[in-house]
Amino acid sequence: MKELFSHDPLTGMTVWFHSDDSDPDKVHLEYEQDAEPVIEFNKAAQREGGYSAQGIKDEMWHYASIPNGVAMKWLIEDGLDIYDDNAWPQIFRKLNDPEYAYLKATTKNHRKQQFKATKAESIIVTGT
């Protein structure tokens, strides 16, 4: 049986609850999000070459927007927590992989191996 567990209108993240017919002690949560607005923004930013260049000049490079659904998938499948500074070398490798180019707001690659967030706002994570 599948039923709505929660929906966050701000992020667009919906969580579904599934009971397991074969094992009554097990339940499953399914996460769902429409990431299309984030992906379309990233594509537009990539096409606008000045967007990335101006960000680098202003020392506020908007490198990527990672939808909450993708962040959740990486956490569950790979153990990568986007809020953990230690995970960022692996996250940058993912972001620089052509498979995840749609998450980047630039066509450039980030070469930095270490990442240190000074404030929560310095990691741009969008999910609307």
N, C-alpha and C. Protein backbone atom coordinates (compact mmCIF):
# COMPACT_ATOMS: atom_id res chain seq x y z
N MET A 1 0.84 -1.18 0.00
CA MET A 1 0.00 0.00 0.00
C MET A 1 0.89 1.25 0.00
N LYS A 2 0.60 2.18 -0.89
CA LYS A 2 1.38 3.42 -1.00
C LYS A 2 0.49 4.58 -0.56
N GLU A 3 1.03 5.38 0.36
CA GLU A 3 0.27 6.55 0.79
C GLU A 3 1.22 7.72 1.02
N LEU A 4 0.68 8.90 0.87
CA LEU A 4 1.46 10.12 1.04
C LEU A 4 1.89 10.26 2.50
N PHE A 5 3.17 10.46 2.71
CA PHE A 5 3.70 10.66 4.05
C PHE A 5 3.86 12.16 4.33
N SER A 6 4.48 12.88 3.37
CA SER A 6 4.61 14.33 3.53
C SER A 6 4.91 14.97 2.18
N HIS A 7 4.63 16.25 2.09
CA HIS A 7 4.96 17.03 0.91
C HIS A 7 5.39 18.41 1.37
N ASP A 8 6.56 18.85 0.90
CA ASP A 8 7.07 20.18 1.23
C ASP A 8 6.89 21.07 0.01
N PRO A 9 5.95 22.02 0.04
CA PRO A 9 5.71 22.85 -1.14
C PRO A 9 6.89 23.77 -1.47
N LEU A 10 7.73 24.08 -0.50
CA LEU A 10 8.88 24.94 -0.74
C LEU A 10 9.93 24.24 -1.60
N THR A 11 10.25 23.00 -1.28
CA THR A 11 11.28 22.27 -2.02
C THR A 11 10.68 21.38 -3.11
N GLY A 12 9.39 21.10 -3.03
CA GLY A 12 8.76 20.20 -3.98
C GLY A 12 9.02 18.73 -3.66
N MET A 13 9.64 18.46 -2.52
CA MET A 13 9.97 17.08 -2.14
C MET A 13 8.72 16.41 -1.55
N THR A 14 8.40 15.26 -2.11
CA THR A 14 7.28 14.46 -1.63
C THR A 14 7.84 13.14 -1.11
N VAL A 15 7.34 12.70 0.02
CA VAL A 15 7.75 11.43 0.60
C VAL A 15 6.52 10.52 0.64
N TRP A 16 6.69 9.32 0.08
CA TRP A 16 5.64 8.32 0.07
C TRP A 16 6.00 7.21 1.04
N PHE A 17 4.99 6.68 1.71
CA PHE A 17 5.14 5.59 2.67
C PHE A 17 4.59 4.33 2.02
N HIS A 18 5.37 3.26 2.05
CA HIS A 18 4.94 1.96 1.52
C HIS A 18 5.01 0.93 2.64
N SER A 19 3.95 0.18 2.82
CA SER A 19 4.05 -0.96 3.72
C SER A 19 4.52 -2.15 2.89
N ASP A 20 5.16 -3.08 3.54
CA ASP A 20 5.71 -4.26 2.86
C ASP A 20 4.76 -5.42 3.11
N ASP A 21 4.05 -5.86 2.08
CA ASP A 21 3.07 -6.95 2.23
C ASP A 21 3.72 -8.26 2.65
N SER A 22 4.98 -8.47 2.24
CA SER A 22 5.64 -9.74 2.56
C SER A 22 6.22 -9.75 3.98
N ASP A 23 6.43 -8.56 4.56
CA ASP A 23 6.99 -8.48 5.92
C ASP A 23 6.36 -7.29 6.64
N PRO A 24 5.41 -7.53 7.53
CA PRO A 24 4.69 -6.43 8.19
C PRO A 24 5.58 -5.56 9.09
N ASP A 25 6.80 -6.04 9.40
CA ASP A 25 7.71 -5.25 10.22
C ASP A 25 8.55 -4.27 9.39
N LYS A 26 8.41 -4.32 8.07
CA LYS A 26 9.19 -3.45 7.20
C LYS A 26 8.31 -2.38 6.56
N VAL A 27 8.88 -1.20 6.44
CA VAL A 27 8.24 -0.11 5.70
C VAL A 27 9.28 0.49 4.77
N HIS A 28 8.82 1.15 3.75
CA HIS A 28 9.71 1.79 2.78
C HIS A 28 9.28 3.24 2.60
N LEU A 29 10.26 4.11 2.46
CA LEU A 29 10.00 5.50 2.13
C LEU A 29 10.52 5.77 0.73
N GLU A 30 9.73 6.43 -0.08
CA GLU A 30 10.10 6.78 -1.45
C GLU A 30 10.11 8.30 -1.55
N TYR A 31 11.21 8.85 -2.05
CA TYR A 31 11.36 10.29 -2.18
C TYR A 31 11.18 10.69 -3.64
N GLU A 32 10.45 11.77 -3.85
CA GLU A 32 10.13 12.20 -5.21
C GLU A 32 10.23 13.73 -5.28
N GLN A 33 10.80 14.23 -6.37
CA GLN A 33 10.90 15.68 -6.53
C GLN A 33 10.97 16.01 -8.01
N ASP A 34 10.31 17.07 -8.41
CA ASP A 34 10.44 17.59 -9.77
C ASP A 34 11.66 18.51 -9.78
N ALA A 35 12.75 18.04 -10.34
CA ALA A 35 14.00 18.80 -10.37
C ALA A 35 14.14 19.62 -11.65
N GLU A 36 13.15 19.58 -12.52
CA GLU A 36 13.24 20.25 -13.81
C GLU A 36 13.55 21.75 -13.71
N PRO A 37 12.92 22.51 -12.79
CA PRO A 37 13.26 23.93 -12.70
C PRO A 37 14.74 24.18 -12.36
N VAL A 38 15.31 23.37 -11.50
CA VAL A 38 16.73 23.51 -11.14
C VAL A 38 17.60 23.17 -12.34
N ILE A 39 17.28 22.10 -13.03
CA ILE A 39 18.05 21.68 -14.19
C ILE A 39 17.99 22.74 -15.29
N GLU A 40 16.81 23.28 -15.53
CA GLU A 40 16.67 24.32 -16.56
C GLU A 40 17.46 25.58 -16.19
N PHE A 41 17.45 25.95 -14.90
CA PHE A 41 18.25 27.09 -14.47
C PHE A 41 19.73 26.83 -14.73
N ASN A 42 20.21 25.63 -14.38
CA ASN A 42 21.62 25.29 -14.58
C ASN A 42 22.00 25.35 -16.06
N LYS A 43 21.14 24.82 -16.92
CA LYS A 43 21.41 24.86 -18.37
C LYS A 43 21.50 26.29 -18.87
N ALA A 44 20.60 27.14 -18.41
CA ALA A 44 20.62 28.55 -18.82
C ALA A 44 21.89 29.24 -18.32
N ALA A 45 22.29 28.95 -17.10
CA ALA A 45 23.52 29.54 -16.55
C ALA A 45 24.75 29.07 -17.32
N GLN A 46 24.76 27.81 -17.75
CA GLN A 46 25.87 27.29 -18.54
C GLN A 46 25.97 28.01 -19.88
N ARG A 47 24.82 28.28 -20.50
CA ARG A 47 24.81 28.98 -21.80
C ARG A 47 25.26 30.43 -21.66
N GLU A 48 25.00 31.03 -20.51
CA GLU A 48 25.37 32.43 -20.25
C GLU A 48 26.78 32.45 -19.70
N GLY A 49 27.78 32.53 -20.57
CA GLY A 49 29.18 32.46 -20.16
C GLY A 49 29.56 33.52 -19.14
N GLY A 50 28.95 34.68 -19.21
CA GLY A 50 29.27 35.76 -18.28
C GLY A 50 28.82 35.48 -16.86
N TYR A 51 27.84 34.60 -16.69
CA TYR A 51 27.33 34.29 -15.36
C TYR A 51 28.43 33.69 -14.49
N SER A 52 29.11 32.69 -15.01
CA SER A 52 30.19 32.03 -14.27
C SER A 52 31.38 32.97 -14.08
N ALA A 53 31.76 33.67 -15.15
CA ALA A 53 32.91 34.57 -15.08
C ALA A 53 32.69 35.67 -14.04
N GLN A 54 31.49 36.23 -14.01
CA GLN A 54 31.19 37.29 -13.03
C GLN A 54 31.22 36.73 -11.61
N GLY A 55 30.72 35.52 -11.42
CA GLY A 55 30.76 34.90 -10.10
C GLY A 55 32.17 34.69 -9.61
N ILE A 56 33.05 34.23 -10.48
CA ILE A 56 34.46 34.04 -10.11
C ILE A 56 35.08 35.39 -9.76
N LYS A 57 34.80 36.39 -10.56
CA LYS A 57 35.33 37.74 -10.32
C LYS A 57 34.86 38.27 -8.96
N ASP A 58 33.61 38.02 -8.63
CA ASP A 58 33.03 38.49 -7.37
C ASP A 58 33.35 37.58 -6.19
N GLU A 59 34.12 36.52 -6.42
CA GLU A 59 34.50 35.54 -5.40
C GLU A 59 33.29 34.82 -4.81
N MET A 60 32.27 34.66 -5.61
CA MET A 60 31.05 33.93 -5.20
C MET A 60 30.60 33.07 -6.37
N TRP A 61 31.44 32.12 -6.76
CA TRP A 61 31.17 31.29 -7.93
C TRP A 61 30.03 30.34 -7.65
N HIS A 62 28.96 30.47 -8.39
CA HIS A 62 27.83 29.53 -8.29
C HIS A 62 28.19 28.36 -9.19
N TYR A 63 28.71 27.32 -8.58
CA TYR A 63 29.23 26.18 -9.33
C TYR A 63 28.14 25.18 -9.71
N ALA A 64 27.24 24.90 -8.79
CA ALA A 64 26.20 23.90 -9.05
C ALA A 64 24.99 24.13 -8.17
N SER A 65 23.87 23.64 -8.64
CA SER A 65 22.65 23.56 -7.83
C SER A 65 22.27 22.09 -7.78
N ILE A 66 22.25 21.55 -6.59
CA ILE A 66 21.95 20.13 -6.41
C ILE A 66 20.54 20.01 -5.83
N PRO A 67 19.60 19.50 -6.61
CA PRO A 67 18.24 19.35 -6.08
C PRO A 67 18.23 18.41 -4.86
N ASN A 68 17.31 18.65 -3.97
CA ASN A 68 17.21 17.83 -2.76
C ASN A 68 17.08 16.35 -3.08
N GLY A 69 16.35 16.03 -4.14
CA GLY A 69 16.18 14.62 -4.51
C GLY A 69 17.50 13.96 -4.88
N VAL A 70 18.37 14.68 -5.59
CA VAL A 70 19.69 14.16 -5.95
C VAL A 70 20.55 14.03 -4.69
N ALA A 71 20.50 15.05 -3.83
CA ALA A 71 21.27 15.00 -2.58
C ALA A 71 20.84 13.80 -1.74
N MET A 72 19.55 13.53 -1.69
CA MET A 72 19.03 12.39 -0.94
C MET A 72 19.50 11.08 -1.57
N LYS A 73 19.45 11.00 -2.90
CA LYS A 73 19.90 9.79 -3.61
C LYS A 73 21.38 9.53 -3.31
N TRP A 74 22.22 10.56 -3.37
CA TRP A 74 23.65 10.40 -3.09
C TRP A 74 23.88 9.96 -1.65
N LEU A 75 23.09 10.50 -0.73
CA LEU A 75 23.23 10.12 0.68
C LEU A 75 22.88 8.65 0.88
N ILE A 76 21.77 8.22 0.31
CA ILE A 76 21.30 6.85 0.49
C ILE A 76 22.20 5.85 -0.25
N GLU A 77 22.51 6.14 -1.51
CA GLU A 77 23.23 5.17 -2.33
C GLU A 77 24.75 5.20 -2.13
N ASP A 78 25.31 6.39 -1.89
CA ASP A 78 26.77 6.53 -1.85
C ASP A 78 27.31 6.99 -0.50
N GLY A 79 26.41 7.34 0.42
CA GLY A 79 26.85 7.84 1.72
C GLY A 79 27.45 9.23 1.65
N LEU A 80 27.15 9.98 0.57
CA LEU A 80 27.70 11.33 0.41
C LEU A 80 26.71 12.36 0.93
N ASP A 81 27.11 13.05 1.98
CA ASP A 81 26.29 14.07 2.61
C ASP A 81 26.80 15.43 2.14
N ILE A 82 25.97 16.16 1.39
CA ILE A 82 26.42 17.44 0.84
C ILE A 82 26.72 18.47 1.93
N TYR A 83 26.30 18.21 3.15
CA TYR A 83 26.58 19.13 4.26
C TYR A 83 27.81 18.71 5.05
N ASP A 84 28.51 17.70 4.59
CA ASP A 84 29.73 17.22 5.24
C ASP A 84 30.93 17.67 4.42
N ASP A 85 31.76 18.55 4.99
CA ASP A 85 32.94 19.07 4.28
C ASP A 85 33.83 17.95 3.76
N ASN A 86 33.92 16.85 4.48
CA ASN A 86 34.79 15.74 4.08
C ASN A 86 34.31 15.02 2.83
N ALA A 87 33.04 15.16 2.48
CA ALA A 87 32.48 14.48 1.31
C ALA A 87 32.70 15.26 0.02
N TRP A 88 33.09 16.53 0.12
CA TRP A 88 33.14 17.37 -1.07
C TRP A 88 34.17 16.95 -2.12
N PRO A 89 35.31 16.39 -1.80
CA PRO A 89 36.17 15.92 -2.89
C PRO A 89 35.45 14.88 -3.78
N GLN A 90 34.69 13.97 -3.16
CA GLN A 90 33.94 12.98 -3.94
C GLN A 90 32.77 13.63 -4.67
N ILE A 91 32.12 14.61 -4.05
CA ILE A 91 31.01 15.29 -4.69
C ILE A 91 31.50 16.07 -5.90
N PHE A 92 32.65 16.74 -5.78
CA PHE A 92 33.21 17.46 -6.93
C PHE A 92 33.54 16.49 -8.06
N ARG A 93 34.03 15.30 -7.73
CA ARG A 93 34.29 14.30 -8.78
C ARG A 93 32.98 13.93 -9.49
N LYS A 94 31.91 13.77 -8.72
CA LYS A 94 30.61 13.48 -9.33
C LYS A 94 30.16 14.64 -10.22
N LEU A 95 30.25 15.86 -9.69
CA LEU A 95 29.80 17.03 -10.45
C LEU A 95 30.61 17.23 -11.72
N ASN A 96 31.88 16.87 -11.70
CA ASN A 96 32.73 17.03 -12.88
C ASN A 96 32.55 15.88 -13.88
N ASP A 97 31.85 14.83 -13.50
CA ASP A 97 31.56 13.71 -14.39
C ASP A 97 30.48 14.17 -15.38
N PRO A 98 30.65 13.90 -16.68
CA PRO A 98 29.64 14.31 -17.66
C PRO A 98 28.23 13.81 -17.34
N GLU A 99 28.13 12.71 -16.61
CA GLU A 99 26.81 12.18 -16.24
C GLU A 99 26.01 13.19 -15.41
N TYR A 100 26.70 14.03 -14.64
CA TYR A 100 26.02 14.99 -13.76
C TYR A 100 26.20 16.43 -14.22
N ALA A 101 26.53 16.66 -15.48
CA ALA A 101 26.74 18.02 -16.00
C ALA A 101 25.50 18.90 -15.81
N TYR A 102 24.33 18.30 -15.80
CA TYR A 102 23.09 19.05 -15.64
C TYR A 102 22.96 19.72 -14.26
N LEU A 103 23.80 19.31 -13.31
CA LEU A 103 23.75 19.92 -11.97
C LEU A 103 24.62 21.17 -11.88
N LYS A 104 25.48 21.37 -12.86
CA LYS A 104 26.42 22.49 -12.80
C LYS A 104 25.85 23.74 -13.45
N ALA A 105 26.16 24.90 -12.86
CA ALA A 105 25.76 26.19 -13.41
C ALA A 105 26.89 26.78 -14.24
N THR A 106 27.86 25.97 -14.60
CA THR A 106 29.02 26.40 -15.36
C THR A 106 29.49 25.24 -16.24
N THR A 107 30.29 25.55 -17.23
CA THR A 107 30.90 24.48 -18.04
C THR A 107 32.32 24.19 -17.57
N LYS A 108 32.79 24.95 -16.59
CA LYS A 108 34.14 24.75 -16.06
C LYS A 108 34.14 23.60 -15.05
N ASN A 109 35.35 23.10 -14.76
CA ASN A 109 35.50 22.06 -13.75
C ASN A 109 36.20 22.61 -12.52
N HIS A 110 35.74 22.19 -11.38
CA HIS A 110 36.34 22.59 -10.11
C HIS A 110 37.46 21.62 -9.80
N ARG A 111 38.66 22.13 -9.63
CA ARG A 111 39.82 21.26 -9.42
C ARG A 111 40.20 21.14 -7.95
N LYS A 112 39.62 21.96 -7.11
CA LYS A 112 39.98 21.97 -5.69
C LYS A 112 39.65 20.63 -5.04
N GLN A 113 40.58 20.10 -4.31
CA GLN A 113 40.36 18.80 -3.67
C GLN A 113 39.81 18.93 -2.26
N GLN A 114 39.96 20.06 -1.65
CA GLN A 114 39.45 20.28 -0.30
C GLN A 114 38.35 21.33 -0.36
N PHE A 115 37.41 21.22 0.53
CA PHE A 115 36.31 22.17 0.58
C PHE A 115 36.01 22.46 2.03
N LYS A 116 35.88 23.71 2.35
CA LYS A 116 35.54 24.10 3.72
C LYS A 116 34.43 25.14 3.65
N ALA A 117 33.27 24.78 4.11
CA ALA A 117 32.16 25.72 4.14
C ALA A 117 32.31 26.62 5.35
N THR A 118 32.26 27.92 5.11
CA THR A 118 32.36 28.85 6.23
C THR A 118 30.98 29.18 6.78
N LYS A 119 29.96 29.08 5.93
CA LYS A 119 28.59 29.30 6.34
C LYS A 119 27.71 28.34 5.56
N ALA A 120 26.57 28.04 6.10
CA ALA A 120 25.64 27.16 5.38
C ALA A 120 25.27 27.77 4.04
N GLU A 121 25.20 29.09 3.94
CA GLU A 121 24.81 29.74 2.69
C GLU A 121 25.85 29.58 1.59
N SER A 122 27.07 29.18 1.94
CA SER A 122 28.09 29.07 0.91
C SER A 122 27.92 27.82 0.07
N ILE A 123 27.08 26.92 0.48
CA ILE A 123 26.73 25.76 -0.34
C ILE A 123 25.36 26.04 -0.92
N ILE A 124 25.28 26.19 -2.22
CA ILE A 124 24.00 26.50 -2.83
C ILE A 124 23.31 25.19 -3.15
N VAL A 125 22.23 24.94 -2.46
CA VAL A 125 21.44 23.73 -2.69
C VAL A 125 20.02 24.21 -2.92
N THR A 126 19.53 23.95 -4.10
CA THR A 126 18.16 24.36 -4.39
C THR A 126 17.31 23.15 -4.65
N GLY A 127 16.07 23.25 -4.38
CA GLY A 127 15.18 22.12 -4.59
C GLY A 127 13.80 22.52 -5.03
N THR A 128 13.67 23.70 -5.55
CA THR A 128 12.34 24.12 -5.98
C THR A 128 12.11 23.79 -7.42
